[in-house]
């Protein structure tokens, strides 16, 4: 293949985007083009390009496969990253830069004007950002674990709270910034910042944070952190598609994510709208993995089995799957692979419940193939909360039932896994037994169940008499009040295993969780304080899931008012977002009466 290194694409505002082009050598061009735009170095292997046998594909090996199949393939550094010029401000320039890149590509002599895009995570965000501007030549997409529907509700903030992965990501990427590379002293200063120590010293202050050495990174982080209300900032190109779906061309789009990924909501929102809007194929793949780890058959301390990997189950491998996808839609190659257009969902659960050789719980699971999501045979069911901690389908009969607890923002409930990425070295995602495990930031380290904490309220079913397949949206409707002007409510869906020889204390496996910041109980646009004595209805919306709760298990909801460091901690004082100088305790109440009946709503496969 022929390589054109560091081609210079000039954007509308004069920034130079460094671009590597790989061309077939057979002289049969022009060719269709496959593009990936990344902030992670266009020359370095993507961490997600790992096959089932553990081999990490280099950019050259990927390019060789694409050029051999008759494509030109293009890798580009995002602005302000590696060989590209300009200032990096996370997410917000990717729409226009992507548009300008495609505009350049369609004019090249080696391009036939048909362009497909691909990439994981940020490289999926860059695709969706450009697609919302309907750029020239865009003919096909493959979005892996990313592509914002609304970063306000998935990716930067969630339920009004700020996702702290943005802070750990910013620090790690600042280490690779042009500024750090040009200044060894600055890089050494960043390396000496102890992020675990910094997370113990919240809140941070601009100019006095671990990112103070790279002001551009610190500035965008604090801007995102401080803008709690939904407004024009959150409608910017690159982080908001909800008002732009109509501008996305009617082209084949493949969407992939996983139940412990941070972009479940974005992926499913995108699928719903694009499947309804477009005539072209819209495919969906949802695995049980962590972010981008499609060939890991485990997540955290839970094993899903050899059937869980992408390779050898969904397709031979991820590279071949993309090649087949692009060949079908960009080359119009006759292909019997109708499976490319299907909905493939991994239903977790149903395993042996034994402990495997790697000390992981064998939870198991299986792939389900369909045409739609949610699955066509699912229906909503309600499970009501009761004052005695039970959870069942009968409404409470008491006229005054309620459960109260004291929320202390100085002692937040620790994050034990979940749908997380980019949190190292402070926190990690995945499925774990929900206890004060010493491996996790902020725990007491005594391995006692989180459910035993006085600031965690538990509602659970009796042991199930038959299997229960939860498959779709999860919503927790809470009637709440507080003596604080603002507070948070969190809710976690847990699959509670019974005691066994391998797990004498049982195993409380986190399935999905969410949060709601109460200052937004009237609207996301206009925060209002809570009034003492006034009951307010809120809805906590964890990510959708697909899990088989086996007979003998319990279905549990854990309600609290913090989940740190996944989300920032609400000081309960009503202070501006990102500030917690006046932290105060809050007496929080969940009503479980006949008049104010709080409940869990889930989609159950019939």
Foldseek 3Di string as FASTA:
>chain_A
DDKDFQDWQAFPVGWTKGKIKAAAPPPPFLFEEEEFEDLPDQQAFDPLQAWLVGDTDGNVNLQVVQNVLGYMYMYIHDEQHDPIHDNDQPQQCLQRVLLSVLVVQCPDPSHVLAYEYEDFDSRLLSVLLNLLQVHTRDAEYEYAQDHAQFCLCFVQHNQLFGFCLLVLLLLVVVLRGPVCVVDVVLNVLSVPDDVLVQQLVPDADACGHSCVSPNSSSVSSVVSQQPRFDDPVRCHRSRHCNVRPVSRDQHEYEYEEEQLARCLVRRQVVQVVSVVPHPYFYEYYYAHEARSNQSQQAWDQAGADNCRHCDPNLYVTPSVLVSVVCCCGVVVDDDPPPSNRKYKYKFWADFPQAQDPVRHGHRYTHIDIDHDPPPPQKDKAKWFAFLVQETGRDAAAFAFRKDKAKDFLSQFQEADAGNDDSDPPQAHHGKFFQFQPPSHRRGPNPRHHPCPDRQKRKYKHAQAQFKWKFGHWKKWKWWKAKPFQKFKKKKWKWWWADADPRRNPTGTITRWMFMHIQLQLPHSNGGGTTDHPDIGIDMTTIRGGTYMRGGRIMIMMMMGTHHPPRTRGDLSHPDRRSDNPPRDMMIMMTGRHNVGIIIMMTMTRD
